[in-house]
Amino acid sequence: LKLVEEYSLSTDYLSLVVASSLSDERLASELSK
């Protein structure tokens, strides 16, 4: 839903999760949660 609904994806989330140094596998696991 956060990829569908407007302003559901925050810059804080991108900074703390997506832009982190996790591997693609670990990032996929974190995104699934």
Full PDB file with SEQRES, HELIX, SHEET, SSBOND, CRYST1, ORIGX, SCALE, CONECT and MASTER records, all heavy atoms in Angstrom:
SEQRES   1 A   33  LEU LYS LEU VAL GLU GLU TYR SER LEU SER THR ASP TYR          
SEQRES   2 A   33  LEU SER LEU VAL VAL ALA SER SER LEU SER ASP GLU ARG          
SEQRES   3 A   33  LEU ALA SER GLU LEU SER LYS                                  
HELIX    1 AA1 THR A   11  TYR A   13  1                                   3    
HELIX    2 AA2 LEU A   14  VAL A   18  3                                   5    
HELIX    3 AA3 ASP A   24  SER A   32  1                                   9    
CRYST1    1.000    1.000    1.000  90.00  90.00  90.00 P 1           1          
ORIGX1      1.000000  0.000000  0.000000        0.00000                         
ORIGX2      0.000000  1.000000  0.000000        0.00000                         
ORIGX3      0.000000  0.000000  1.000000        0.00000                         
SCALE1      1.000000  0.000000  0.000000        0.00000                         
SCALE2      0.000000  1.000000  0.000000        0.00000                         
SCALE3      0.000000  0.000000  1.000000        0.00000                         
ATOM      1  N   LEU A   1       0.820  -1.211   0.000  1.00  0.00           N  
ATOM      2  CA  LEU A   1       0.000   0.000   0.000  1.00  0.00           C  
ATOM      3  C   LEU A   1       0.852   1.259   0.000  1.00  0.00           C  
ATOM      4  O   LEU A   1       0.467   2.285  -0.568  1.00  0.00           O  
ATOM      5  CB  LEU A   1      -0.927  -0.008   1.218  1.00  0.00           C  
ATOM      6  CG  LEU A   1      -2.122  -0.963   1.155  1.00  0.00           C  
ATOM      7  CD1 LEU A   1      -2.919  -0.897   2.451  1.00  0.00           C  
ATOM      8  CD2 LEU A   1      -3.013  -0.637  -0.041  1.00  0.00           C  
ATOM      9  N   LYS A   2       2.025   1.208   0.638  1.00  0.00           N  
ATOM     10  CA  LYS A   2       2.882   2.390   0.708  1.00  0.00           C  
ATOM     11  C   LYS A   2       3.499   2.753  -0.637  1.00  0.00           C  
ATOM     12  O   LYS A   2       4.065   3.837  -0.777  1.00  0.00           O  
ATOM     13  CB  LYS A   2       3.974   2.186   1.759  1.00  0.00           C  
ATOM     14  CG  LYS A   2       3.452   2.212   3.190  1.00  0.00           C  
ATOM     15  CD  LYS A   2       4.578   2.148   4.196  1.00  0.00           C  
ATOM     16  CE  LYS A   2       4.036   2.234   5.613  1.00  0.00           C  
ATOM     17  NZ  LYS A   2       5.118   2.176   6.624  1.00  0.00           N  
ATOM     18  N   LEU A   3       3.403   1.868  -1.608  1.00  0.00           N  
ATOM     19  CA  LEU A   3       3.834   2.201  -2.967  1.00  0.00           C  
ATOM     20  C   LEU A   3       2.672   2.636  -3.830  1.00  0.00           C  
ATOM     21  O   LEU A   3       2.872   3.077  -4.971  1.00  0.00           O  
ATOM     22  CB  LEU A   3       4.536   1.006  -3.617  1.00  0.00           C  
ATOM     23  CG  LEU A   3       5.874   0.572  -3.025  1.00  0.00           C  
ATOM     24  CD1 LEU A   3       6.489  -0.544  -3.862  1.00  0.00           C  
ATOM     25  CD2 LEU A   3       6.832   1.740  -2.903  1.00  0.00           C  
ATOM     26  N   VAL A   4       1.459   2.529  -3.292  1.00  0.00           N  
ATOM     27  CA  VAL A   4       0.252   2.851  -4.057  1.00  0.00           C  
ATOM     28  C   VAL A   4      -0.387   4.144  -3.570  1.00  0.00           C  
ATOM     29  O   VAL A   4      -0.802   4.987  -4.370  1.00  0.00           O  
ATOM     30  CB  VAL A   4      -0.760   1.686  -3.977  1.00  0.00           C  
ATOM     31  CG1 VAL A   4      -2.062   2.064  -4.666  1.00  0.00           C  
ATOM     32  CG2 VAL A   4      -0.166   0.421  -4.585  1.00  0.00           C  
ATOM     33  N   GLU A   5      -0.454   4.327  -2.259  1.00  0.00           N  
ATOM     34  CA  GLU A   5      -1.139   5.480  -1.681  1.00  0.00           C  
ATOM     35  C   GLU A   5      -0.208   6.689  -1.608  1.00  0.00           C  
ATOM     36  O   GLU A   5       0.962   6.567  -1.230  1.00  0.00           O  
ATOM     37  CB  GLU A   5      -1.658   5.139  -0.287  1.00  0.00           C  
ATOM     38  CG  GLU A   5      -2.709   4.039  -0.284  1.00  0.00           C  
ATOM     39  CD  GLU A   5      -3.183   3.725   1.116  1.00  0.00           C  
ATOM     40  OE1 GLU A   5      -2.544   4.209   2.090  1.00  0.00           O  
ATOM     41  OE2 GLU A   5      -4.182   2.991   1.249  1.00  0.00           O  
ATOM     42  N   GLU A   6      -0.723   7.857  -1.940  1.00  0.00           N  
ATOM     43  CA  GLU A   6       0.069   9.083  -1.956  1.00  0.00           C  
ATOM     44  C   GLU A   6       0.630   9.412  -0.579  1.00  0.00           C  
ATOM     45  O   GLU A   6      -0.044   9.261   0.438  1.00  0.00           O  
ATOM     46  CB  GLU A   6      -0.776  10.258  -2.459  1.00  0.00           C  
ATOM     47  CG  GLU A   6      -1.140  10.175  -3.929  1.00  0.00           C  
ATOM     48  CD  GLU A   6      -1.861  11.418  -4.414  1.00  0.00           C  
ATOM     49  OE1 GLU A   6      -2.179  12.281  -3.567  1.00  0.00           O  
ATOM     50  OE2 GLU A   6      -2.101  11.530  -5.628  1.00  0.00           O  
ATOM     51  N   TYR A   7       1.883   9.861  -0.564  1.00  0.00           N  
ATOM     52  CA  TYR A   7       2.591  10.309   0.635  1.00  0.00           C  
ATOM     53  C   TYR A   7       2.602   9.251   1.741  1.00  0.00           C  
ATOM     54  O   TYR A   7       2.621   9.576   2.926  1.00  0.00           O  
ATOM     55  CB  TYR A   7       2.002  11.627   1.147  1.00  0.00           C  
ATOM     56  CG  TYR A   7       2.282  12.776   0.201  1.00  0.00           C  
ATOM     57  CD1 TYR A   7       1.344  13.146  -0.760  1.00  0.00           C  
ATOM     58  CD2 TYR A   7       3.495  13.457   0.236  1.00  0.00           C  
ATOM     59  CE1 TYR A   7       1.609  14.176  -1.663  1.00  0.00           C  
ATOM     60  CE2 TYR A   7       3.767  14.484  -0.653  1.00  0.00           C  
ATOM     61  CZ  TYR A   7       2.824  14.838  -1.599  1.00  0.00           C  
ATOM     62  OH  TYR A   7       3.097  15.856  -2.492  1.00  0.00           O  
ATOM     63  N   SER A   8       2.622   7.983   1.348  1.00  0.00           N  
ATOM     64  CA  SER A   8       2.721   6.898   2.319  1.00  0.00           C  
ATOM     65  C   SER A   8       4.162   6.482   2.570  1.00  0.00           C  
ATOM     66  O   SER A   8       4.469   5.883   3.594  1.00  0.00           O  
ATOM     67  CB  SER A   8       1.924   5.679   1.841  1.00  0.00           C  
ATOM     68  OG  SER A   8       0.550   5.966   1.755  1.00  0.00           O  
ATOM     69  N   LEU A   9       5.043   6.797   1.628  1.00  0.00           N  
ATOM     70  CA  LEU A   9       6.454   6.434   1.748  1.00  0.00           C  
ATOM     71  C   LEU A   9       7.226   7.667   2.215  1.00  0.00           C  
ATOM     72  O   LEU A   9       7.262   8.681   1.527  1.00  0.00           O  
ATOM     73  CB  LEU A   9       6.988   5.950   0.402  1.00  0.00           C  
ATOM     74  CG  LEU A   9       8.365   5.279   0.392  1.00  0.00           C  
ATOM     75  CD1 LEU A   9       8.344   3.995   1.198  1.00  0.00           C  
ATOM     76  CD2 LEU A   9       8.813   5.011  -1.041  1.00  0.00           C  
ATOM     77  N   SER A  10       7.825   7.595   3.387  1.00  0.00           N  
ATOM     78  CA  SER A  10       8.474   8.770   3.968  1.00  0.00           C  
ATOM     79  C   SER A  10       9.960   8.825   3.636  1.00  0.00           C  
ATOM     80  O   SER A  10      10.604   7.792   3.393  1.00  0.00           O  
ATOM     81  CB  SER A  10       8.302   8.780   5.494  1.00  0.00           C  
ATOM     82  OG  SER A  10       9.085   7.757   6.087  1.00  0.00           O  
ATOM     83  N   THR A  11      10.507  10.028   3.658  1.00  0.00           N  
ATOM     84  CA  THR A  11      11.942  10.198   3.458  1.00  0.00           C  
ATOM     85  C   THR A  11      12.719   9.571   4.600  1.00  0.00           C  
ATOM     86  O   THR A  11      13.821   9.034   4.394  1.00  0.00           O  
ATOM     87  CB  THR A  11      12.282  11.696   3.332  1.00  0.00           C  
ATOM     88  OG1 THR A  11      11.489  12.269   2.285  1.00  0.00           O  
ATOM     89  CG2 THR A  11      13.750  11.904   3.000  1.00  0.00           C  
ATOM     90  N   ASP A  12      12.185   9.629   5.814  1.00  0.00           N  
ATOM     91  CA  ASP A  12      12.837   8.976   6.956  1.00  0.00           C  
ATOM     92  C   ASP A  12      13.020   7.487   6.694  1.00  0.00           C  
ATOM     93  O   ASP A  12      14.074   6.913   6.991  1.00  0.00           O  
ATOM     94  CB  ASP A  12      12.007   9.174   8.228  1.00  0.00           C  
ATOM     95  CG  ASP A  12      12.121  10.574   8.787  1.00  0.00           C  
ATOM     96  OD1 ASP A  12      13.050  11.293   8.369  1.00  0.00           O  
ATOM     97  OD2 ASP A  12      11.299  10.951   9.630  1.00  0.00           O  
ATOM     98  N   TYR A  13      11.990   6.843   6.157  1.00  0.00           N  
ATOM     99  CA  TYR A  13      12.071   5.412   5.870  1.00  0.00           C  
ATOM    100  C   TYR A  13      13.154   5.128   4.827  1.00  0.00           C  
ATOM    101  O   TYR A  13      13.936   4.181   4.967  1.00  0.00           O  
ATOM    102  CB  TYR A  13      10.718   4.899   5.375  1.00  0.00           C  
ATOM    103  CG  TYR A  13      10.695   3.413   5.101  1.00  0.00           C  
ATOM    104  CD1 TYR A  13      10.516   2.502   6.129  1.00  0.00           C  
ATOM    105  CD2 TYR A  13      10.873   2.935   3.805  1.00  0.00           C  
ATOM    106  CE1 TYR A  13      10.511   1.131   5.878  1.00  0.00           C  
ATOM    107  CE2 TYR A  13      10.867   1.573   3.542  1.00  0.00           C  
ATOM    108  CZ  TYR A  13      10.682   0.676   4.587  1.00  0.00           C  
ATOM    109  OH  TYR A  13      10.691  -0.674   4.329  1.00  0.00           O  
ATOM    110  N   LEU A  14      13.204   5.943   3.801  1.00  0.00           N  
ATOM    111  CA  LEU A  14      14.237   5.760   2.781  1.00  0.00           C  
ATOM    112  C   LEU A  14      15.622   5.884   3.386  1.00  0.00           C  
ATOM    113  O   LEU A  14      16.539   5.121   3.061  1.00  0.00           O  
ATOM    114  CB  LEU A  14      14.063   6.793   1.667  1.00  0.00           C  
ATOM    115  CG  LEU A  14      12.780   6.718   0.840  1.00  0.00           C  
ATOM    116  CD1 LEU A  14      12.739   7.863  -0.163  1.00  0.00           C  
ATOM    117  CD2 LEU A  14      12.653   5.377   0.126  1.00  0.00           C  
ATOM    118  N   SER A  15      15.788   6.870   4.281  1.00  0.00           N  
ATOM    119  CA  SER A  15      17.086   7.105   4.900  1.00  0.00           C  
ATOM    120  C   SER A  15      17.499   5.961   5.813  1.00  0.00           C  
ATOM    121  O   SER A  15      18.642   5.499   5.773  1.00  0.00           O  
ATOM    122  CB  SER A  15      17.045   8.421   5.687  1.00  0.00           C  
ATOM    123  OG  SER A  15      18.246   8.626   6.401  1.00  0.00           O  
ATOM    124  N   LEU A  16      16.572   5.508   6.644  1.00  0.00           N  
ATOM    125  CA  LEU A  16      16.899   4.512   7.669  1.00  0.00           C  
ATOM    126  C   LEU A  16      16.950   3.088   7.141  1.00  0.00           C  
ATOM    127  O   LEU A  16      17.679   2.250   7.675  1.00  0.00           O  
ATOM    128  CB  LEU A  16      15.881   4.596   8.811  1.00  0.00           C  
ATOM    129  CG  LEU A  16      15.870   5.907   9.601  1.00  0.00           C  
ATOM    130  CD1 LEU A  16      14.703   5.936  10.576  1.00  0.00           C  
ATOM    131  CD2 LEU A  16      17.188   6.093  10.351  1.00  0.00           C  
ATOM    132  N   VAL A  17      16.177   2.793   6.094  1.00  0.00           N  
ATOM    133  CA  VAL A  17      16.069   1.411   5.620  1.00  0.00           C  
ATOM    134  C   VAL A  17      16.647   1.245   4.217  1.00  0.00           C  
ATOM    135  O   VAL A  17      17.602   0.496   3.997  1.00  0.00           O  
ATOM    136  CB  VAL A  17      14.596   0.937   5.649  1.00  0.00           C  
ATOM    137  CG1 VAL A  17      14.491  -0.489   5.112  1.00  0.00           C  
ATOM    138  CG2 VAL A  17      14.038   1.012   7.068  1.00  0.00           C  
ATOM    139  N   VAL A  18      16.079   1.960   3.250  1.00  0.00           N  
ATOM    140  CA  VAL A  18      16.423   1.709   1.850  1.00  0.00           C  
ATOM    141  C   VAL A  18      17.850   2.143   1.525  1.00  0.00           C  
ATOM    142  O   VAL A  18      18.567   1.457   0.789  1.00  0.00           O  
ATOM    143  CB  VAL A  18      15.421   2.411   0.918  1.00  0.00           C  
ATOM    144  CG1 VAL A  18      15.796   2.201  -0.545  1.00  0.00           C  
ATOM    145  CG2 VAL A  18      14.010   1.900   1.176  1.00  0.00           C  
ATOM    146  N   ALA A  19      18.282   3.284   2.066  1.00  0.00           N  
ATOM    147  CA  ALA A  19      19.613   3.806   1.737  1.00  0.00           C  
ATOM    148  C   ALA A  19      20.703   3.236   2.631  1.00  0.00           C  
ATOM    149  O   ALA A  19      21.850   3.675   2.555  1.00  0.00           O  
ATOM    150  CB  ALA A  19      19.608   5.330   1.836  1.00  0.00           C  
ATOM    151  N   SER A  20      20.370   2.288   3.480  1.00  0.00           N  
ATOM    152  CA  SER A  20      21.363   1.697   4.375  1.00  0.00           C  
ATOM    153  C   SER A  20      22.322   0.822   3.585  1.00  0.00           C  
ATOM    154  O   SER A  20      22.156   0.590   2.389  1.00  0.00           O  
ATOM    155  CB  SER A  20      20.671   0.870   5.459  1.00  0.00           C  
ATOM    156  OG  SER A  20      20.023  -0.249   4.875  1.00  0.00           O  
ATOM    157  N   SER A  21      23.328   0.312   4.278  1.00  0.00           N  
ATOM    158  CA  SER A  21      24.362  -0.486   3.608  1.00  0.00           C  
ATOM    159  C   SER A  21      24.036  -1.980   3.593  1.00  0.00           C  
ATOM    160  O   SER A  21      24.909  -2.817   3.427  1.00  0.00           O  
ATOM    161  CB  SER A  21      25.713  -0.273   4.312  1.00  0.00           C  
ATOM    162  OG  SER A  21      25.619  -0.616   5.691  1.00  0.00           O  
ATOM    163  N   LEU A  22      22.766  -2.338   3.790  1.00  0.00           N  
ATOM    164  CA  LEU A  22      22.377  -3.740   3.761  1.00  0.00           C  
ATOM    165  C   LEU A  22      22.592  -4.337   2.379  1.00  0.00           C  
ATOM    166  O   LEU A  22      22.492  -3.649   1.362  1.00  0.00           O  
ATOM    167  CB  LEU A  22      20.898  -3.882   4.144  1.00  0.00           C  
ATOM    168  CG  LEU A  22      20.470  -3.395   5.537  1.00  0.00           C  
ATOM    169  CD1 LEU A  22      18.957  -3.479   5.663  1.00  0.00           C  
ATOM    170  CD2 LEU A  22      21.142  -4.204   6.623  1.00  0.00           C  
ATOM    171  N   SER A  23      22.857  -5.633   2.329  1.00  0.00           N  
ATOM    172  CA  SER A  23      22.919  -6.321   1.047  1.00  0.00           C  
ATOM    173  C   SER A  23      21.514  -6.387   0.459  1.00  0.00           C  
ATOM    174  O   SER A  23      20.511  -6.154   1.156  1.00  0.00           O  
ATOM    175  CB  SER A  23      23.466  -7.745   1.238  1.00  0.00           C  
ATOM    176  OG  SER A  23      22.556  -8.518   2.020  1.00  0.00           O  
ATOM    177  N   ASP A  24      21.427  -6.691  -0.818  1.00  0.00           N  
ATOM    178  CA  ASP A  24      20.111  -6.788  -1.460  1.00  0.00           C  
ATOM    179  C   ASP A  24      19.240  -7.847  -0.776  1.00  0.00           C  
ATOM    180  O   ASP A  24      18.029  -7.653  -0.621  1.00  0.00           O  
ATOM    181  CB  ASP A  24      20.274  -7.135  -2.939  1.00  0.00           C  
ATOM    182  CG  ASP A  24      20.919  -6.012  -3.734  1.00  0.00           C  
ATOM    183  OD1 ASP A  24      20.876  -4.862  -3.259  1.00  0.00           O  
ATOM    184  OD2 ASP A  24      21.470  -6.290  -4.809  1.00  0.00           O  
ATOM    185  N   GLU A  25      19.855  -8.941  -0.362  1.00  0.00           N  
ATOM    186  CA  GLU A  25      19.101 -10.011   0.299  1.00  0.00           C  
ATOM    187  C   GLU A  25      18.549  -9.539   1.643  1.00  0.00           C  
ATOM    188  O   GLU A  25      17.380  -9.777   1.975  1.00  0.00           O  
ATOM    189  CB  GLU A  25      19.987 -11.248   0.498  1.00  0.00           C  
ATOM    190  CG  GLU A  25      20.335 -11.993  -0.782  1.00  0.00           C  
ATOM    191  CD  GLU A  25      21.384 -11.261  -1.618  1.00  0.00           C  
ATOM    192  OE1 GLU A  25      22.035 -10.334  -1.079  1.00  0.00           O  
ATOM    193  OE2 GLU A  25      21.537 -11.615  -2.815  1.00  0.00           O  
ATOM    194  N   ARG A  26      19.384  -8.881   2.435  1.00  0.00           N  
ATOM    195  CA  ARG A  26      18.941  -8.396   3.748  1.00  0.00           C  
ATOM    196  C   ARG A  26      17.925  -7.272   3.600  1.00  0.00           C  
ATOM    197  O   ARG A  26      16.991  -7.157   4.388  1.00  0.00           O  
ATOM    198  CB  ARG A  26      20.133  -7.936   4.576  1.00  0.00           C  
ATOM    199  CG  ARG A  26      21.045  -9.060   5.034  1.00  0.00           C  
ATOM    200  CD  ARG A  26      22.159  -8.534   5.904  1.00  0.00           C  
ATOM    201  NE  ARG A  26      21.639  -7.880   7.100  1.00  0.00           N  
ATOM    202  CZ  ARG A  26      22.381  -7.151   7.932  1.00  0.00           C  
ATOM    203  NH1 ARG A  26      23.666  -6.957   7.681  1.00  0.00           N  
ATOM    204  NH2 ARG A  26      21.837  -6.598   8.995  1.00  0.00           N  
ATOM    205  N   LEU A  27      18.124  -6.418   2.586  1.00  0.00           N  
ATOM    206  CA  LEU A  27      17.158  -5.348   2.356  1.00  0.00           C  
ATOM    207  C   LEU A  27      15.804  -5.938   1.963  1.00  0.00           C  
ATOM    208  O   LEU A  27      14.755  -5.470   2.419  1.00  0.00           O  
ATOM    209  CB  LEU A  27      17.652  -4.401   1.265  1.00  0.00           C  
ATOM    210  CG  LEU A  27      16.701  -3.263   0.880  1.00  0.00           C  
ATOM    211  CD1 LEU A  27      16.345  -2.406   2.095  1.00  0.00           C  
ATOM    212  CD2 LEU A  27      17.309  -2.390  -0.217  1.00  0.00           C  
ATOM    213  N   ALA A  28      15.804  -6.977   1.128  1.00  0.00           N  
ATOM    214  CA  ALA A  28      14.547  -7.629   0.738  1.00  0.00           C  
ATOM    215  C   ALA A  28      13.834  -8.180   1.968  1.00  0.00           C  
ATOM    216  O   ALA A  28      12.604  -8.075   2.088  1.00  0.00           O  
ATOM    217  CB  ALA A  28      14.823  -8.742  -0.268  1.00  0.00           C  
ATOM    218  N   SER A  29      14.604  -8.758   2.883  1.00  0.00           N  
ATOM    219  CA  SER A  29      14.022  -9.289   4.117  1.00  0.00           C  
ATOM    220  C   SER A  29      13.419  -8.172   4.963  1.00  0.00           C  
ATOM    221  O   SER A  29      12.323  -8.310   5.519  1.00  0.00           O  
ATOM    222  CB  SER A  29      15.091 -10.036   4.908  1.00  0.00           C  
ATOM    223  OG  SER A  29      14.583 -10.490   6.151  1.00  0.00           O  
ATOM    224  N   GLU A  30      14.134  -7.041   5.056  1.00  0.00           N  
ATOM    225  CA  GLU A  30      13.637  -5.905   5.840  1.00  0.00           C  
ATOM    226  C   GLU A  30      12.400  -5.297   5.192  1.00  0.00           C  
ATOM    227  O   GLU A  30      11.436  -4.932   5.881  1.00  0.00           O  
ATOM    228  CB  GLU A  30      14.745  -4.857   5.969  1.00  0.00           C  
ATOM    229  CG  GLU A  30      14.389  -3.665   6.841  1.00  0.00           C  
ATOM    230  CD  GLU A  30      14.150  -4.035   8.291  1.00  0.00           C  
ATOM    231  OE1 GLU A  30      14.723  -5.039   8.749  1.00  0.00           O  
ATOM    232  OE2 GLU A  30      13.381  -3.316   8.963  1.00  0.00           O  
ATOM    233  N   LEU A  31      12.391  -5.182   3.884  1.00  0.00           N  
ATOM    234  CA  LEU A  31      11.229  -4.643   3.183  1.00  0.00           C  
ATOM    235  C   LEU A  31      10.011  -5.549   3.357  1.00  0.00           C  
ATOM    236  O   LEU A  31       8.876  -5.067   3.454  1.00  0.00           O  
ATOM    237  CB  LEU A  31      11.537  -4.478   1.696  1.00  0.00           C  
ATOM    238  CG  LEU A  31      12.562  -3.395   1.318  1.00  0.00           C  
ATOM    239  CD1 LEU A  31      12.937  -3.497  -0.150  1.00  0.00           C  
ATOM    240  CD2 LEU A  31      12.032  -2.006   1.638  1.00  0.00           C  
ATOM    241  N   SER A  32      10.233  -6.850   3.420  1.00  0.00           N  
ATOM    242  CA  SER A  32       9.124  -7.790   3.611  1.00  0.00           C  
ATOM    243  C   SER A  32       8.449  -7.608   4.959  1.00  0.00           C  
ATOM    244  O   SER A  32       7.265  -7.915   5.121  1.00  0.00           O  
ATOM    245  CB  SER A  32       9.638  -9.231   3.482  1.00  0.00           C  
ATOM    246  OG  SER A  32      10.158  -9.470   2.186  1.00  0.00           O  
ATOM    247  N   LYS A  33       9.212  -7.062   5.931  1.00  0.00           N  
ATOM    248  CA  LYS A  33       8.657  -6.837   7.269  1.00  0.00           C  
ATOM    249  C   LYS A  33       8.026  -5.456   7.397  1.00  0.00           C  
ATOM    250  O   LYS A  33       7.025  -5.284   8.089  1.00  0.00           O  
ATOM    251  CB  LYS A  33       9.763  -6.976   8.323  1.00  0.00           C  
ATOM    252  CG  LYS A  33      10.430  -8.333   8.366  1.00  0.00           C  
ATOM    253  CD  LYS A  33      11.609  -8.310   9.332  1.00  0.00           C  
ATOM    254  CE  LYS A  33      12.389  -9.612   9.303  1.00  0.00           C  
ATOM    255  NZ  LYS A  33      13.590  -9.552  10.184  1.00  0.00           N  
TER     256      LYS A  33                                                      
MASTER        0    0    0    3    0    0    0    6  255    1    0    3          
END                                                                             
